[in-house]
C-alpha atoms as a PDB file:
ATOM      1  CA  MET A   1      52.469 191.604  70.525  1.00  0.00           C
ATOM      2  CA  LYS A   2      50.900 188.782  72.947  1.00  0.00           C
ATOM      3  CA  ARG A   3      51.034 186.039  70.525  1.00  0.00           C
ATOM      4  CA  LEU A   4      54.812 187.082  70.013  1.00  0.00           C
ATOM      5  CA  ILE A   5      55.842 187.135  73.827  1.00  0.00           C
ATOM      6  CA  LEU A   6      53.864 183.689  73.367  1.00  0.00           C
ATOM      7  CA  PHE A   7      55.949 182.691  70.287  1.00  0.00           C
ATOM      8  CA  LEU A   8      59.289 183.527  72.046  1.00  0.00           C
ATOM      9  CA  ILE A   9      58.720 181.711  75.549  1.00  0.00           C
ATOM     10  CA  ALA A  10      57.737 178.378  73.276  1.00  0.00           C
ATOM     11  CA  LEU A  11      60.965 179.150  71.876  1.00  0.00           C
ATOM     12  CA  ILE A  12      63.193 179.329  74.464  1.00  0.00           C
ATOM     13  CA  ILE A  13      61.637 176.475  76.432  1.00  0.00           C
ATOM     14  CA  SER A  14      62.226 173.952  73.097  1.00  0.00           C
ATOM     15  CA  SER A  15      65.770 175.426  72.554  1.00  0.00           C
ATOM     16  CA  CYS A  16      66.503 174.735  76.586  1.00  0.00           C
ATOM     17  CA  THR A  17      65.031 170.729  76.129  1.00  0.00           C
ATOM     18  CA  LYS A  18      67.468 168.275  76.183  1.00  0.00           C
ATOM     19  CA  ASP A  19      68.029 165.216  73.772  1.00  0.00           C
ATOM     20  CA  THR A  20      68.584 162.319  75.717  1.00  0.00           C
ATOM     21  CA  ASP A  21      71.235 159.968  73.434  1.00  0.00           C
ATOM     22  CA  ILE A  22      70.926 156.582  73.910  1.00  0.00           C
ATOM     23  CA  ASN A  23      74.577 156.752  75.267  1.00  0.00           C
ATOM     24  CA  GLU A  24      73.352 158.478  78.466  1.00  0.00           C
ATOM     25  CA  VAL A  25      71.513 155.401  78.882  1.00  0.00           C
ATOM     26  CA  PHE A  26      73.261 152.236  77.988  1.00  0.00           C
ATOM     27  CA  SER A  27      76.873 152.106  77.455  1.00  0.00           C
ATOM     28  CA  ASP A  28      77.200 148.860  76.397  1.00  0.00           C
ATOM     29  CA  PHE A  29      74.858 145.662  74.979  1.00  0.00           C
ATOM     30  CA  SER A  30      76.327 142.330  74.377  1.00  0.00           C
ATOM     31  CA  VAL A  31      76.110 138.507  73.783  1.00  0.00           C
ATOM     32  CA  SER A  32      78.236 135.900  74.841  1.00  0.00           C
ATOM     33  CA  ILE A  33      77.961 134.674  71.411  1.00  0.00           C
ATOM     34  CA  ASP A  34      76.447 135.345  68.025  1.00  0.00           C
ATOM     35  CA  GLN A  35      75.785 131.921  66.825  1.00  0.00           C
ATOM     36  CA  VAL A  36      74.508 129.114  68.500  1.00  0.00           C
ATOM     37  CA  SER A  37      73.287 125.536  67.776  1.00  0.00           C
ATOM     38  CA  ALA A  38      68.893 125.123  67.544  1.00  0.00           C
ATOM     39  CA  ASP A  39      69.004 122.400  69.706  1.00  0.00           C
ATOM     40  CA  GLY A  40      66.796 123.657  73.233  1.00  0.00           C
ATOM     41  CA  GLN A  41      68.986 123.502  75.431  1.00  0.00           C
ATOM     42  CA  SER A  42      71.781 125.580  74.493  1.00  0.00           C
ATOM     43  CA  THR A  43      72.356 129.222  76.173  1.00  0.00           C
ATOM     44  CA  VAL A  44      73.673 132.520  75.469  1.00  0.00           C
ATOM     45  CA  ASN A  45      74.436 135.206  78.327  1.00  0.00           C
ATOM     46  CA  VAL A  46      73.087 138.425  77.481  1.00  0.00           C
ATOM     47  CA  ILE A  47      74.785 141.221  79.354  1.00  0.00           C
ATOM     48  CA  ALA A  48      73.680 145.099  79.479  1.00  0.00           C
ATOM     49  CA  ILE A  49      75.766 148.063  81.077  1.00  0.00           C
ATOM     50  CA  LEU A  50      73.425 151.343  82.167  1.00  0.00           C
ATOM     51  CA  SER A  51      75.076 154.556  82.392  1.00  0.00           C
ATOM     52  CA  SER A  52      76.913 155.338  85.431  1.00  0.00           C
ATOM     53  CA  ASN A  53      74.382 158.302  85.803  1.00  0.00           C
ATOM     54  CA  ALA A  54      71.519 155.998  85.775  1.00  0.00           C
ATOM     55  CA  ASP A  55      69.308 157.109  88.953  1.00  0.00           C
ATOM     56  CA  TYR A  56      68.742 154.501  91.358  1.00  0.00           C
ATOM     57  CA  ASP A  57      64.536 153.875  90.795  1.00  0.00           C
ATOM     58  CA  ARG A  58      65.973 153.932  86.934  1.00  0.00           C
ATOM     59  CA  ARG A  59      67.426 150.403  86.907  1.00  0.00           C
ATOM     60  CA  ASN A  60      65.180 148.076  85.597  1.00  0.00           C
ATOM     61  CA  VAL A  61      65.389 146.716  81.950  1.00  0.00           C
ATOM     62  CA  ILE A  62      63.289 144.479  79.792  1.00  0.00           C
ATOM     63  CA  PHE A  63      64.951 141.896  77.866  1.00  0.00           C
ATOM     64  CA  LYS A  64      63.088 140.371  75.028  1.00  0.00           C
ATOM     65  CA  THR A  65      63.927 137.668  72.417  1.00  0.00           C
ATOM     66  CA  THR A  66      61.933 136.997  69.236  1.00  0.00           C
ATOM     67  CA  SER A  67      62.946 133.053  69.772  1.00  0.00           C
ATOM     68  CA  GLY A  68      63.717 131.149  72.832  1.00  0.00           C
ATOM     69  CA  SER A  69      63.073 131.800  76.474  1.00  0.00           C
ATOM     70  CA  PHE A  70      64.742 133.836  79.472  1.00  0.00           C
ATOM     71  CA  LEU A  71      65.620 131.556  82.012  1.00  0.00           C
ATOM     72  CA  PRO A  72      64.515 130.692  84.614  1.00  0.00           C
ATOM     73  CA  SER A  73      60.909 131.767  83.818  1.00  0.00           C
ATOM     74  CA  LEU A  74      60.929 130.725  79.874  1.00  0.00           C
ATOM     75  CA  THR A  75      59.229 133.621  78.789  1.00  0.00           C
ATOM     76  CA  GLU A  76      59.671 135.973  76.040  1.00  0.00           C
ATOM     77  CA  THR A  77      60.420 138.726  78.446  1.00  0.00           C
ATOM     78  CA  ALA A  78      62.792 139.164  81.322  1.00  0.00           C
ATOM     79  CA  THR A  79      62.939 142.120  83.860  1.00  0.00           C
ATOM     80  CA  VAL A  80      66.374 143.019  85.367  1.00  0.00           C
ATOM     81  CA  LYS A  81      67.757 145.040  87.988  1.00  0.00           C
ATOM     82  CA  ALA A  82      71.006 146.263  87.286  1.00  0.00           C
ATOM     83  CA  GLU A  83      73.803 145.683  89.845  1.00  0.00           C
ATOM     84  CA  TYR A  84      77.098 146.926  90.344  1.00  0.00           C
ATOM     85  CA  ASP A  85      79.440 144.621  89.149  1.00  0.00           C
ATOM     86  CA  ASN A  86      82.929 145.438  88.635  1.00  0.00           C
ATOM     87  CA  GLY A  87      82.112 148.868  88.926  1.00  0.00           C
ATOM     88  CA  LYS A  88      79.548 148.759  86.147  1.00  0.00           C
ATOM     89  CA  LEU A  89      75.796 149.065  86.648  1.00  0.00           C
ATOM     90  CA  THR A  90      75.193 145.415  84.744  1.00  0.00           C
ATOM     91  CA  ALA A  91      71.667 143.456  83.926  1.00  0.00           C
ATOM     92  CA  LYS A  92      72.266 139.844  82.883  1.00  0.00           C
ATOM     93  CA  ALA A  93      70.036 137.313  81.296  1.00  0.00           C
ATOM     94  CA  THR A  94      69.972 133.704  79.901  1.00  0.00           C
ATOM     95  CA  LEU A  95      68.364 133.311  76.954  1.00  0.00           C
ATOM     96  CA  LYS A  96      67.917 129.265  76.343  1.00  0.00           C
ATOM     97  CA  VAL A  97      67.359 128.499  72.569  1.00  0.00           C
ATOM     98  CA  SER A  98      64.727 126.588  70.906  1.00  0.00           C
ATOM     99  CA  THR A  99      64.617 124.318  68.271  1.00  0.00           C
ATOM    100  CA  LYS A 100      63.879 126.397  65.563  1.00  0.00           C
ATOM    101  CA  PRO A 101      66.903 127.521  63.435  1.00  0.00           C
ATOM    102  CA  GLY A 102      66.944 131.421  61.865  1.00  0.00           C
ATOM    103  CA  ASN A 103      67.817 134.482  63.208  1.00  0.00           C
ATOM    104  CA  VAL A 104      66.820 135.484  66.780  1.00  0.00           C
ATOM    105  CA  ILE A 105      67.040 138.974  67.839  1.00  0.00           C
ATOM    106  CA  VAL A 106      67.381 139.905  71.510  1.00  0.00           C
ATOM    107  CA  SER A 107      66.526 143.308  72.742  1.00  0.00           C
ATOM    108  CA  VAL A 108      67.109 145.676  75.344  1.00  0.00           C
ATOM    109  CA  LYS A 109      65.589 148.775  76.435  1.00  0.00           C
ATOM    110  CA  PRO A 110      64.494 150.623  80.141  1.00  0.00           C
ATOM    111  CA  GLU A 111      61.752 149.871  82.175  1.00  0.00           C
ATOM    112  CA  PHE A 112      60.435 153.183  82.532  1.00  0.00           C
ATOM    113  CA  ASP A 113      59.033 155.299  79.649  1.00  0.00           C
ATOM    114  CA  SER A 114      60.962 158.605  78.498  1.00  0.00           C
ATOM    115  CA  SER A 115      58.953 161.498  77.178  1.00  0.00           C
ATOM    116  CA  VAL A 116      62.111 162.289  75.045  1.00  0.00           C
ATOM    117  CA  GLY A 117      62.148 158.804  72.955  1.00  0.00           C
ATOM    118  CA  GLU A 118      62.827 155.298  73.192  1.00  0.00           C
ATOM    119  CA  PHE A 119      65.548 153.618  73.989  1.00  0.00           C
ATOM    120  CA  ILE A 120      66.401 149.942  72.337  1.00  0.00           C
ATOM    121  CA  LEU A 121      69.349 148.162  71.672  1.00  0.00           C
ATOM    122  CA  GLU A 122      69.629 144.722  69.706  1.00  0.00           C
ATOM    123  CA  LYS A 123      72.138 141.916  69.042  1.00  0.00           C
ATOM    124  CA  THR A 124      71.135 139.245  66.355  1.00  0.00           C
ATOM    125  CA  ILE A 125      72.414 135.704  67.638  1.00  0.00           C
ATOM    126  CA  ILE A 126      72.595 133.237  64.694  1.00  0.00           C
ATOM    127  CA  ALA A 127      70.802 129.698  65.461  1.00  0.00           C
ATOM    128  CA  VAL A 128      72.049 126.859  62.899  1.00  0.00           C
ATOM    129  CA  GLN A 129      70.122 124.355  62.569  1.00  0.00           C
ATOM    130  CA  SER A 130      71.185 121.293  64.891  1.00  0.00           C
ATOM    131  CA  ASN A 131      71.221 118.000  62.544  1.00  0.00           C
ATOM    132  CA  VAL A 132      70.807 114.432  63.487  1.00  0.00           C
ATOM    133  CA  ALA A 133      74.065 112.022  64.608  1.00  0.00           C
ATOM    134  CA  SER A 134      72.406 109.602  66.239  1.00  0.00           C
ATOM    135  CA  ILE A 135      68.716 107.636  67.028  1.00  0.00           C
ATOM    136  CA  HIS A 136      67.774 105.482  70.308  1.00  0.00           C
ATOM    137  CA  LEU A 137      64.994 103.579  68.820  1.00  0.00           C
ATOM    138  CA  GLU A 138      62.866 102.414  72.290  1.00  0.00           C
ATOM    139  CA  PRO A 139      60.040  99.600  71.515  1.00  0.00           C
ATOM    140  CA  SER A 140      56.720  98.937  73.578  1.00  0.00           C
ATOM    141  CA  SER A 141      57.709  95.458  72.941  1.00  0.00           C
ATOM    142  CA  TYR A 142      60.065  92.996  71.828  1.00  0.00           C
ATOM    143  CA  GLY A 143      57.281  90.723  70.441  1.00  0.00           C
ATOM    144  CA  ILE A 144      54.448  91.377  68.178  1.00  0.00           C
ATOM    145  CA  GLY A 145      51.252  89.268  67.657  1.00  0.00           C
ATOM    146  CA  SER A 146      50.518  87.813  63.612  1.00  0.00           C
ATOM    147  CA  ASN A 147      47.821  88.916  61.317  1.00  0.00           C
ATOM    148  CA  TYR A 148      47.762  92.440  62.766  1.00  0.00           C
ATOM    149  CA  LEU A 149      46.505  91.274  66.182  1.00  0.00           C
ATOM    150  CA  THR A 150      48.973  93.562  68.391  1.00  0.00           C
ATOM    151  CA  ASP A 151      51.149  96.459  67.571  1.00  0.00           C
ATOM    152  CA  VAL A 152      54.313  98.042  68.832  1.00  0.00           C
ATOM    153  CA  LYS A 153      55.374 101.526  69.345  1.00  0.00           C
ATOM    154  CA  VAL A 154      58.350 102.657  68.587  1.00  0.00           C
ATOM    155  CA  VAL A 155      59.856 105.741  69.701  1.00  0.00           C
ATOM    156  CA  GLY A 156      63.127 107.227  68.657  1.00  0.00           C
ATOM    157  CA  THR A 157      65.202 109.967  70.295  1.00  0.00           C
ATOM    158  CA  LEU A 158      67.130 111.802  68.409  1.00  0.00           C
ATOM    159  CA  LYS A 159      70.470 113.621  69.297  1.00  0.00           C
ATOM    160  CA  ASN A 160      73.184 115.457  67.540  1.00  0.00           C
ATOM    161  CA  SER A 161      76.972 115.059  67.121  1.00  0.00           C
ATOM    162  CA  SER A 162      77.176 117.019  71.137  1.00  0.00           C
ATOM    163  CA  GLY A 163      74.399 114.387  72.182  1.00  0.00           C
ATOM    164  CA  LYS A 164      72.052 117.228  72.563  1.00  0.00           C
ATOM    165  CA  SER A 165      68.999 117.676  70.820  1.00  0.00           C
ATOM    166  CA  VAL A 166      68.141 118.277  67.095  1.00  0.00           C
ATOM    167  CA  SER A 167      66.527 121.106  65.570  1.00  0.00           C
ATOM    168  CA  SER A 168      62.609 120.883  64.585  1.00  0.00           C
ATOM    169  CA  GLY A 169      61.947 119.576  61.384  1.00  0.00           C
ATOM    170  CA  GLN A 170      64.045 116.723  61.237  1.00  0.00           C
ATOM    171  CA  LYS A 171      62.460 113.924  59.081  1.00  0.00           C
ATOM    172  CA  VAL A 172      62.971 110.480  59.405  1.00  0.00           C
ATOM    173  CA  VAL A 173      61.565 107.022  57.505  1.00  0.00           C
ATOM    174  CA  PHE A 174      60.497 104.315  59.279  1.00  0.00           C
ATOM    175  CA  GLU A 175      60.928 100.985  57.193  1.00  0.00           C
ATOM    176  CA  ASP A 176      60.371  96.779  58.349  1.00  0.00           C
ATOM    177  CA  PHE A 177      61.785  93.912  57.032  1.00  0.00           C
ATOM    178  CA  LEU A 178      62.114  90.608  57.121  1.00  0.00           C
ATOM    179  CA  SER A 179      65.370  88.376  57.585  1.00  0.00           C
ATOM    180  CA  ASP A 180      66.076  88.094  54.103  1.00  0.00           C
ATOM    181  CA  GLY A 181      65.740  91.766  53.643  1.00  0.00           C
ATOM    182  CA  THR A 182      62.902  91.793  51.477  1.00  0.00           C
ATOM    183  CA  PRO A 183      59.872  93.986  52.684  1.00  0.00           C
ATOM    184  CA  ALA A 184      57.695  92.809  56.323  1.00  0.00           C
ATOM    185  CA  ASN A 185      55.128  95.250  54.554  1.00  0.00           C
ATOM    186  CA  GLY A 186      53.767  96.059  57.912  1.00  0.00           C
ATOM    187  CA  LYS A 187      51.049  98.993  58.616  1.00  0.00           C
ATOM    188  CA  PHE A 188      52.220 101.759  60.287  1.00  0.00           C
ATOM    189  CA  ARG A 189      50.081 104.210  61.783  1.00  0.00           C
ATOM    190  CA  GLU A 190      50.113 107.789  63.895  1.00  0.00           C
ATOM    191  CA  MET A 191      53.139 108.041  62.301  1.00  0.00           C
ATOM    192  CA  ARG A 192      55.581 110.682  63.844  1.00  0.00           C
ATOM    193  CA  SER A 193      58.211 110.932  61.393  1.00  0.00           C
ATOM    194  CA  ILE A 194      59.170 114.766  61.958  1.00  0.00           C
ATOM    195  CA  THR A 195      60.703 116.420  64.729  1.00  0.00           C
ATOM    196  CA  ALA A 196      58.779 118.977  66.771  1.00  0.00           C
ATOM    197  CA  SER A 197      60.196 120.853  69.892  1.00  0.00           C
ATOM    198  CA  TYR A 198      61.268 117.702  71.609  1.00  0.00           C
ATOM    199  CA  SER A 199      63.446 115.891  69.524  1.00  0.00           C
ATOM    200  CA  LYS A 200      61.789 112.499  68.978  1.00  0.00           C
ATOM    201  CA  VAL A 201      59.606 110.611  66.476  1.00  0.00           C
ATOM    202  CA  SER A 202      57.688 107.574  67.015  1.00  0.00           C
ATOM    203  CA  CYS A 203      54.928 104.962  65.443  1.00  0.00           C
ATOM    204  CA  TYR A 204      52.867 102.304  65.780  1.00  0.00           C
ATOM    205  CA  CYS A 205      53.936  98.781  63.828  1.00  0.00           C
ATOM    206  CA  SER A 206      51.307  95.857  62.973  1.00  0.00           C
ATOM    207  CA  ILE A 207      52.877  92.847  61.009  1.00  0.00           C
ATOM    208  CA  GLY A 208      50.022  90.460  58.951  1.00  0.00           C
ATOM    209  CA  THR A 209      50.456  86.549  58.811  1.00  0.00           C
ATOM    210  CA  PHE A 210      54.018  85.341  59.973  1.00  0.00           C
ATOM    211  CA  GLN A 211      54.910  81.601  61.808  1.00  0.00           C
ATOM    212  CA  ILE A 212      55.574  82.312  64.792  1.00  0.00           C
ATOM    213  CA  GLY A 213      59.375  83.278  66.062  1.00  0.00           C
ATOM    214  CA  ILE A 214      60.219  84.855  62.654  1.00  0.00           C
ATOM    215  CA  PRO A 215      62.300  88.039  63.358  1.00  0.00           C
ATOM    216  CA  ILE A 216      60.809  91.311  61.825  1.00  0.00           C
ATOM    217  CA  THR A 217      62.822  94.634  61.933  1.00  0.00           C
ATOM    218  CA  ILE A 218      62.389  97.826  61.954  1.00  0.00           C
ATOM    219  CA  LYS A 219      64.704 100.619  60.665  1.00  0.00           C
ATOM    220  CA  CYS A 220      65.052 104.068  60.931  1.00  0.00           C
ATOM    221  CA  MET A 221      66.530 106.107  58.117  1.00  0.00           C
ATOM    222  CA  ASN A 222      68.210 109.082  58.633  1.00  0.00           C
ATOM    223  CA  PRO A 223      70.684 107.974  60.178  1.00  0.00           C
ATOM    224  CA  ILE A 224      70.066 104.097  59.930  1.00  0.00           C
ATOM    225  CA  ILE A 225      69.216 102.457  63.080  1.00  0.00           C
ATOM    226  CA  GLN A 226      67.484  99.355  63.250  1.00  0.00           C
ATOM    227  CA  LEU A 227      65.445  97.030  66.258  1.00  0.00           C
ATOM    228  CA  THR A 228      64.312  93.593  65.722  1.00  0.00           C
ATOM    229  CA  TYR A 229      61.547  91.575  67.434  1.00  0.00           C
ATOM    230  CA  LEU A 230      59.920  88.374  67.331  1.00  0.00           C
ATOM    231  CA  ILE A 231      57.049  87.448  66.177  1.00  0.00           C
ATOM    232  CA  GLN A 232      54.786  85.742  69.045  1.00  0.00           C
END
């Protein structure tokens, strides 16, 4: 009989337990755009709207991203307290995309732990590749010594068609030529021909035995851009 009574009490308690639906925590979760250039500079606004029934001390939410970072902390997570905006409890964050193309998953969840369950909403943003449209080459000097006595460091800054950085993994080719178009056969070292997160490439170049005053042209391919310096 005692076991029966305990069973009935447990059954009554479990039947009175209310399952919380995620709509009772969040009423909306959105991103300003679902496709963005992976240029390391573009931003996406992330907005979560809490239920109007949210307690005052339970209005903090945690935003999280699988790529890029939230401003201004430049971290992968951001804890934000929802405030009233046009009558709605709204939490906002700004995501700065990285230079890595691919799917970016942004999520939001309450900061407080719930005994009922975990309440997480997700959105997927597609970071499309930012391709090279222009390159600016900057040499450490416009003169170079013959017979490999000195070298020139060349730094290339790559931009897309909007003037922003390009995605990581963009590759260029450095070549050198004489004025008649024949290869100068210089030596390149410390070649960094693939972009990382800073949209730059670089190399050091030295030249063999040539007469003073002969122009040497370095070409950076993809797209083609060139600069000319003189043998000193």
